[in-house]
Amino acid sequence: MEKKAVVYIFYDKNTDKFLVENRTKDQFLAGEKLFPGGKVEQNELNDLTKTLIREAKEELGVTITKYVELNPVITGLGGFRLYCFLVTSWSGRIPKIVLDKGSVLEWIDRKTFVPNLKPVRKILKLANNSIV
């Protein structure tokens, strides 16, 4: 079975910033700035929005109210197929850390963010291209 994950790019239009996760030294890709996301579970394979909504609730404690799926699908590290979503509206307050991992969250200027990893650069380009 192919490995799938969703990546969610929270965008604050008032500040023109994206939300990124600063990976801790104990996590895969330690020290990197990544867009949050999570693995697609077996029962979610036919509806990736279920993964999107579940992961945002588990990791950030918020409910997504407006989003758009970005295309094309990106191939990530480890052979994961990354399905990206630009989130422009949510209810609840974004925490300072990822609730189930402890990594620090940061709002970063979308125009000056320069990711180290090629898949993250591709995701950033998709997100920037979708913002009008």
N, C-alpha and C. Protein backbone atom coordinates (compact mmCIF):
# COMPACT_ATOMS: atom_id res chain seq x y z
N MET A 1 0.84 -1.20 0.00
CA MET A 1 0.00 0.00 0.00
C MET A 1 0.88 1.26 0.00
N GLU A 2 0.50 2.19 -0.81
CA GLU A 2 1.26 3.43 -0.88
C GLU A 2 1.05 4.24 0.40
N LYS A 3 2.11 4.91 0.85
CA LYS A 3 2.04 5.72 2.07
C LYS A 3 1.53 7.11 1.71
N LYS A 4 0.50 7.53 2.44
CA LYS A 4 -0.11 8.84 2.19
C LYS A 4 -0.12 9.66 3.48
N ALA A 5 0.02 10.97 3.30
CA ALA A 5 -0.09 11.90 4.41
C ALA A 5 -0.71 13.19 3.90
N VAL A 6 -1.34 13.89 4.81
CA VAL A 6 -1.84 15.22 4.48
C VAL A 6 -0.89 16.25 5.10
N VAL A 7 -0.77 17.36 4.42
CA VAL A 7 0.00 18.50 4.91
C VAL A 7 -0.96 19.66 4.92
N TYR A 8 -1.04 20.35 6.05
CA TYR A 8 -1.94 21.50 6.09
C TYR A 8 -1.15 22.78 6.32
N ILE A 9 -1.43 23.73 5.45
CA ILE A 9 -0.75 25.01 5.47
C ILE A 9 -1.76 26.04 5.96
N PHE A 10 -1.64 26.40 7.22
CA PHE A 10 -2.52 27.43 7.77
C PHE A 10 -1.99 28.78 7.31
N TYR A 11 -2.89 29.60 6.75
CA TYR A 11 -2.52 30.91 6.23
C TYR A 11 -3.33 31.99 6.92
N ASP A 12 -2.61 32.97 7.50
CA ASP A 12 -3.25 34.12 8.13
C ASP A 12 -3.12 35.30 7.15
N LYS A 13 -4.23 35.63 6.50
CA LYS A 13 -4.18 36.68 5.47
C LYS A 13 -3.91 38.06 6.08
N ASN A 14 -4.25 38.25 7.35
CA ASN A 14 -4.01 39.55 7.99
C ASN A 14 -2.53 39.85 8.17
N THR A 15 -1.74 38.81 8.41
CA THR A 15 -0.30 38.99 8.61
C THR A 15 0.52 38.49 7.42
N ASP A 16 -0.15 37.81 6.47
CA ASP A 16 0.51 37.21 5.30
C ASP A 16 1.56 36.18 5.73
N LYS A 17 1.16 35.34 6.71
CA LYS A 17 2.09 34.36 7.25
C LYS A 17 1.50 32.95 7.21
N PHE A 18 2.42 31.98 7.14
CA PHE A 18 2.08 30.56 7.23
C PHE A 18 2.51 30.03 8.60
N LEU A 19 1.81 29.01 9.04
CA LEU A 19 2.16 28.33 10.29
C LEU A 19 3.12 27.18 9.97
N VAL A 20 4.26 27.15 10.68
CA VAL A 20 5.21 26.06 10.52
C VAL A 20 5.52 25.43 11.87
N GLU A 21 5.97 24.21 11.79
CA GLU A 21 6.36 23.43 12.98
C GLU A 21 7.87 23.34 12.99
N ASN A 22 8.48 23.68 14.13
CA ASN A 22 9.92 23.54 14.31
C ASN A 22 10.18 22.19 14.96
N ARG A 23 10.71 21.25 14.20
CA ARG A 23 10.89 19.88 14.68
C ARG A 23 11.93 19.83 15.80
N THR A 24 11.60 19.08 16.86
CA THR A 24 12.50 18.95 18.01
C THR A 24 13.63 17.97 17.70
N LYS A 25 14.65 17.97 18.55
CA LYS A 25 15.82 17.11 18.33
C LYS A 25 15.47 15.63 18.40
N ASP A 26 14.35 15.29 19.01
CA ASP A 26 13.94 13.89 19.14
C ASP A 26 13.05 13.41 18.00
N GLN A 27 12.70 14.29 17.10
CA GLN A 27 11.77 13.94 16.02
C GLN A 27 12.49 13.68 14.71
N PHE A 28 11.81 12.93 13.84
CA PHE A 28 12.26 12.77 12.46
C PHE A 28 12.39 14.16 11.84
N LEU A 29 13.46 14.40 11.11
CA LEU A 29 13.75 15.70 10.50
C LEU A 29 13.98 16.79 11.56
N ALA A 30 14.71 16.42 12.61
CA ALA A 30 15.01 17.34 13.70
C ALA A 30 15.63 18.63 13.18
N GLY A 31 15.16 19.74 13.74
CA GLY A 31 15.69 21.05 13.40
C GLY A 31 15.09 21.69 12.17
N GLU A 32 14.26 20.97 11.45
CA GLU A 32 13.65 21.51 10.23
C GLU A 32 12.36 22.26 10.54
N LYS A 33 12.06 23.22 9.67
CA LYS A 33 10.77 23.91 9.71
C LYS A 33 9.89 23.26 8.65
N LEU A 34 8.78 22.69 9.10
CA LEU A 34 7.88 21.97 8.20
C LEU A 34 6.46 22.47 8.39
N PHE A 35 5.64 22.24 7.38
CA PHE A 35 4.22 22.47 7.56
C PHE A 35 3.68 21.26 8.31
N PRO A 36 2.78 21.46 9.28
CA PRO A 36 2.23 20.32 10.02
C PRO A 36 1.44 19.39 9.10
N GLY A 37 1.26 18.18 9.57
CA GLY A 37 0.49 17.20 8.82
C GLY A 37 0.47 15.87 9.54
N GLY A 38 -0.06 14.87 8.87
CA GLY A 38 -0.11 13.55 9.49
C GLY A 38 -0.48 12.46 8.51
N LYS A 39 -0.25 11.25 8.93
CA LYS A 39 -0.50 10.08 8.09
C LYS A 39 -1.99 9.82 7.92
N VAL A 40 -2.33 9.34 6.73
CA VAL A 40 -3.70 8.97 6.41
C VAL A 40 -3.94 7.57 6.97
N GLU A 41 -5.01 7.42 7.74
CA GLU A 41 -5.36 6.11 8.29
C GLU A 41 -6.18 5.31 7.28
N GLN A 42 -6.19 4.01 7.45
CA GLN A 42 -6.85 3.10 6.51
C GLN A 42 -8.30 3.51 6.22
N ASN A 43 -9.03 3.89 7.25
CA ASN A 43 -10.45 4.24 7.07
C ASN A 43 -10.64 5.63 6.44
N GLU A 44 -9.55 6.34 6.14
CA GLU A 44 -9.65 7.68 5.57
C GLU A 44 -9.17 7.73 4.11
N LEU A 45 -8.78 6.59 3.55
CA LEU A 45 -8.18 6.57 2.21
C LEU A 45 -9.07 7.17 1.14
N ASN A 46 -10.38 7.05 1.27
CA ASN A 46 -11.30 7.57 0.26
C ASN A 46 -11.78 8.99 0.53
N ASP A 47 -11.35 9.57 1.66
CA ASP A 47 -11.75 10.94 1.99
C ASP A 47 -10.64 11.58 2.81
N LEU A 48 -9.70 12.19 2.13
CA LEU A 48 -8.54 12.78 2.80
C LEU A 48 -8.89 13.97 3.67
N THR A 49 -10.07 14.55 3.46
CA THR A 49 -10.47 15.66 4.33
C THR A 49 -10.71 15.16 5.76
N LYS A 50 -11.04 13.89 5.91
CA LYS A 50 -11.17 13.32 7.26
C LYS A 50 -9.83 13.38 7.98
N THR A 51 -8.75 13.06 7.26
CA THR A 51 -7.41 13.13 7.85
C THR A 51 -7.07 14.58 8.18
N LEU A 52 -7.36 15.47 7.26
CA LEU A 52 -7.09 16.89 7.47
C LEU A 52 -7.75 17.39 8.75
N ILE A 53 -9.03 17.12 8.88
CA ILE A 53 -9.79 17.60 10.04
C ILE A 53 -9.33 16.93 11.33
N ARG A 54 -9.10 15.61 11.28
CA ARG A 54 -8.65 14.87 12.46
C ARG A 54 -7.28 15.36 12.93
N GLU A 55 -6.35 15.47 12.01
CA GLU A 55 -4.98 15.87 12.37
C GLU A 55 -4.94 17.29 12.94
N ALA A 56 -5.68 18.21 12.35
CA ALA A 56 -5.70 19.59 12.86
C ALA A 56 -6.27 19.63 14.27
N LYS A 57 -7.26 18.79 14.53
CA LYS A 57 -7.85 18.72 15.87
C LYS A 57 -6.85 18.12 16.87
N GLU A 58 -6.20 17.00 16.48
CA GLU A 58 -5.25 16.34 17.36
C GLU A 58 -4.01 17.19 17.63
N GLU A 59 -3.47 17.79 16.59
CA GLU A 59 -2.21 18.51 16.72
C GLU A 59 -2.34 19.96 17.16
N LEU A 60 -3.44 20.62 16.75
CA LEU A 60 -3.59 22.04 17.04
C LEU A 60 -4.79 22.37 17.91
N GLY A 61 -5.71 21.43 18.05
CA GLY A 61 -6.90 21.67 18.86
C GLY A 61 -7.88 22.63 18.21
N VAL A 62 -7.82 22.77 16.88
CA VAL A 62 -8.72 23.67 16.18
C VAL A 62 -9.58 22.90 15.18
N THR A 63 -10.66 23.52 14.77
CA THR A 63 -11.55 22.95 13.77
C THR A 63 -11.42 23.77 12.49
N ILE A 64 -11.06 23.11 11.42
CA ILE A 64 -10.91 23.78 10.13
C ILE A 64 -12.30 24.08 9.56
N THR A 65 -12.49 25.33 9.11
CA THR A 65 -13.78 25.73 8.55
C THR A 65 -13.70 26.10 7.07
N LYS A 66 -12.49 26.41 6.56
CA LYS A 66 -12.36 26.72 5.14
C LYS A 66 -10.97 26.30 4.67
N TYR A 67 -10.96 25.56 3.56
CA TYR A 67 -9.70 25.06 3.02
C TYR A 67 -9.87 24.78 1.53
N VAL A 68 -8.74 24.63 0.87
CA VAL A 68 -8.73 24.23 -0.53
C VAL A 68 -7.61 23.21 -0.70
N GLU A 69 -7.89 22.16 -1.48
CA GLU A 69 -6.86 21.16 -1.75
C GLU A 69 -5.95 21.70 -2.85
N LEU A 70 -4.65 21.54 -2.66
CA LEU A 70 -3.66 22.01 -3.62
C LEU A 70 -3.19 20.85 -4.49
N ASN A 71 -2.91 21.14 -5.74
CA ASN A 71 -2.42 20.12 -6.66
C ASN A 71 -1.19 20.64 -7.37
N PRO A 72 -0.29 19.76 -7.77
CA PRO A 72 -0.37 18.30 -7.73
C PRO A 72 0.07 17.75 -6.38
N VAL A 73 -0.09 16.44 -6.23
CA VAL A 73 0.39 15.72 -5.05
C VAL A 73 1.92 15.76 -5.09
N ILE A 74 2.54 15.95 -3.93
CA ILE A 74 4.00 16.04 -3.81
C ILE A 74 4.54 14.71 -3.30
N THR A 75 5.67 14.28 -3.83
CA THR A 75 6.34 13.11 -3.27
C THR A 75 7.30 13.60 -2.19
N GLY A 76 7.07 13.10 -0.97
CA GLY A 76 7.88 13.52 0.16
C GLY A 76 8.98 12.52 0.47
N LEU A 77 9.69 12.79 1.55
CA LEU A 77 10.74 11.89 1.98
C LEU A 77 10.13 10.57 2.41
N GLY A 78 10.86 9.50 2.22
CA GLY A 78 10.36 8.18 2.60
C GLY A 78 9.29 7.65 1.66
N GLY A 79 9.13 8.29 0.51
CA GLY A 79 8.16 7.82 -0.47
C GLY A 79 6.71 8.17 -0.17
N PHE A 80 6.49 9.03 0.81
CA PHE A 80 5.12 9.44 1.13
C PHE A 80 4.54 10.28 0.00
N ARG A 81 3.27 10.05 -0.30
CA ARG A 81 2.50 10.91 -1.20
C ARG A 81 1.86 11.97 -0.31
N LEU A 82 2.20 13.23 -0.53
CA LEU A 82 1.73 14.32 0.32
C LEU A 82 0.60 15.07 -0.35
N TYR A 83 -0.56 15.04 0.29
CA TYR A 83 -1.75 15.74 -0.18
C TYR A 83 -1.85 17.03 0.62
N CYS A 84 -1.74 18.14 -0.07
CA CYS A 84 -1.61 19.44 0.60
C CYS A 84 -2.92 20.22 0.58
N PHE A 85 -3.18 20.88 1.68
CA PHE A 85 -4.38 21.70 1.84
C PHE A 85 -3.99 23.07 2.38
N LEU A 86 -4.50 24.11 1.74
CA LEU A 86 -4.32 25.47 2.24
C LEU A 86 -5.53 25.79 3.10
N VAL A 87 -5.29 26.07 4.37
CA VAL A 87 -6.36 26.36 5.33
C VAL A 87 -6.40 27.86 5.57
N THR A 88 -7.57 28.45 5.31
CA THR A 88 -7.69 29.90 5.44
C THR A 88 -8.65 30.34 6.54
N SER A 89 -9.35 29.37 7.14
CA SER A 89 -10.27 29.71 8.23
C SER A 89 -10.40 28.52 9.17
N TRP A 90 -10.47 28.83 10.47
CA TRP A 90 -10.59 27.78 11.48
C TRP A 90 -11.22 28.39 12.73
N SER A 91 -11.76 27.53 13.57
CA SER A 91 -12.28 27.99 14.85
C SER A 91 -11.41 27.40 15.94
N GLY A 92 -11.17 28.20 16.95
CA GLY A 92 -10.27 27.81 18.02
C GLY A 92 -8.97 28.60 17.92
N ARG A 93 -8.18 28.45 18.93
CA ARG A 93 -6.93 29.21 19.04
C ARG A 93 -5.74 28.30 18.77
N ILE A 94 -4.87 28.72 17.86
CA ILE A 94 -3.67 27.95 17.54
C ILE A 94 -2.74 27.99 18.76
N PRO A 95 -2.30 26.83 19.24
CA PRO A 95 -1.41 26.80 20.41
C PRO A 95 0.03 27.18 20.04
N LYS A 96 0.88 27.26 21.03
CA LYS A 96 2.29 27.58 20.80
C LYS A 96 3.11 26.35 20.44
N ILE A 97 2.55 25.17 20.77
CA ILE A 97 3.24 23.92 20.46
C ILE A 97 2.26 22.93 19.84
N VAL A 98 2.80 21.97 19.10
CA VAL A 98 1.97 20.89 18.57
C VAL A 98 1.55 20.04 19.76
N LEU A 99 0.25 19.88 19.94
CA LEU A 99 -0.29 19.27 21.15
C LEU A 99 0.16 17.84 21.38
N ASP A 100 0.28 17.03 20.31
CA ASP A 100 0.63 15.63 20.52
C ASP A 100 2.12 15.33 20.32
N LYS A 101 2.93 16.37 20.00
CA LYS A 101 4.36 16.14 19.77
C LYS A 101 5.25 17.07 20.58
N GLY A 102 4.75 18.26 20.90
CA GLY A 102 5.54 19.19 21.69
C GLY A 102 6.44 20.12 20.88
N SER A 103 6.46 19.98 19.55
CA SER A 103 7.30 20.88 18.77
C SER A 103 6.68 22.28 18.71
N VAL A 104 7.54 23.27 18.64
CA VAL A 104 7.11 24.67 18.68
C VAL A 104 6.52 25.08 17.33
N LEU A 105 5.41 25.80 17.41
CA LEU A 105 4.76 26.34 16.21
C LEU A 105 5.15 27.81 16.06
N GLU A 106 5.25 28.24 14.82
CA GLU A 106 5.68 29.60 14.53
C GLU A 106 4.98 30.10 13.27
N TRP A 107 4.54 31.35 13.33
CA TRP A 107 4.00 32.00 12.13
C TRP A 107 5.17 32.63 11.40
N ILE A 108 5.33 32.31 10.12
CA ILE A 108 6.49 32.75 9.37
C ILE A 108 6.04 33.45 8.09
N ASP A 109 6.73 34.51 7.73
CA ASP A 109 6.39 35.29 6.54
C ASP A 109 6.48 34.41 5.30
N ARG A 110 5.41 34.34 4.56
CA ARG A 110 5.35 33.42 3.42
C ARG A 110 6.30 33.83 2.29
N LYS A 111 6.66 35.10 2.23
CA LYS A 111 7.51 35.57 1.14
C LYS A 111 9.00 35.43 1.45
N THR A 112 9.35 35.29 2.70
CA THR A 112 10.78 35.18 3.05
C THR A 112 11.16 33.80 3.55
N PHE A 113 10.20 32.91 3.76
CA PHE A 113 10.47 31.56 4.23
C PHE A 113 11.22 30.79 3.14
N VAL A 114 12.39 30.25 3.50
CA VAL A 114 13.19 29.45 2.57
C VAL A 114 13.45 28.10 3.23
N PRO A 115 12.62 27.10 2.92
CA PRO A 115 12.80 25.77 3.52
C PRO A 115 14.07 25.09 3.02
N ASN A 116 14.64 24.24 3.87
CA ASN A 116 15.84 23.48 3.51
C ASN A 116 15.49 22.29 2.62
N LEU A 117 14.36 21.66 2.85
CA LEU A 117 14.02 20.41 2.18
C LEU A 117 13.23 20.66 0.90
N LYS A 118 13.60 19.93 -0.15
CA LYS A 118 12.97 20.11 -1.46
C LYS A 118 11.45 19.90 -1.42
N PRO A 119 10.92 18.84 -0.76
CA PRO A 119 9.46 18.70 -0.72
C PRO A 119 8.77 19.89 -0.05
N VAL A 120 9.38 20.46 0.97
CA VAL A 120 8.79 21.61 1.66
C VAL A 120 8.82 22.83 0.74
N ARG A 121 9.89 22.97 -0.03
CA ARG A 121 9.95 24.07 -1.01
C ARG A 121 8.84 23.93 -2.05
N LYS A 122 8.58 22.71 -2.49
CA LYS A 122 7.50 22.47 -3.47
C LYS A 122 6.14 22.81 -2.87
N ILE A 123 5.93 22.41 -1.61
CA ILE A 123 4.66 22.70 -0.94
C ILE A 123 4.49 24.21 -0.78
N LEU A 124 5.55 24.88 -0.39
CA LEU A 124 5.51 26.34 -0.24
C LEU A 124 5.13 27.01 -1.56
N LYS A 125 5.71 26.54 -2.65
CA LYS A 125 5.39 27.11 -3.96
C LYS A 125 3.92 26.89 -4.30
N LEU A 126 3.41 25.68 -4.06
CA LEU A 126 1.98 25.41 -4.30
C LEU A 126 1.11 26.38 -3.50
N ALA A 127 1.44 26.53 -2.22
CA ALA A 127 0.62 27.40 -1.35
C ALA A 127 0.70 28.85 -1.81
N ASN A 128 1.91 29.33 -2.09
CA ASN A 128 2.05 30.73 -2.54
C ASN A 128 1.31 30.97 -3.85
N ASN A 129 1.35 30.01 -4.75
CA ASN A 129 0.67 30.17 -6.04
C ASN A 129 -0.85 30.18 -5.90
N SER A 130 -1.36 29.63 -4.82
CA SER A 130 -2.82 29.56 -4.65
C SER A 130 -3.39 30.79 -3.92
N ILE A 131 -2.51 31.62 -3.40
CA ILE A 131 -2.97 32.82 -2.69
C ILE A 131 -3.10 33.96 -3.69
N VAL A 132 -4.27 34.54 -3.70
CA VAL A 132 -4.54 35.62 -4.66
C VAL A 132 -4.17 36.95 -4.05
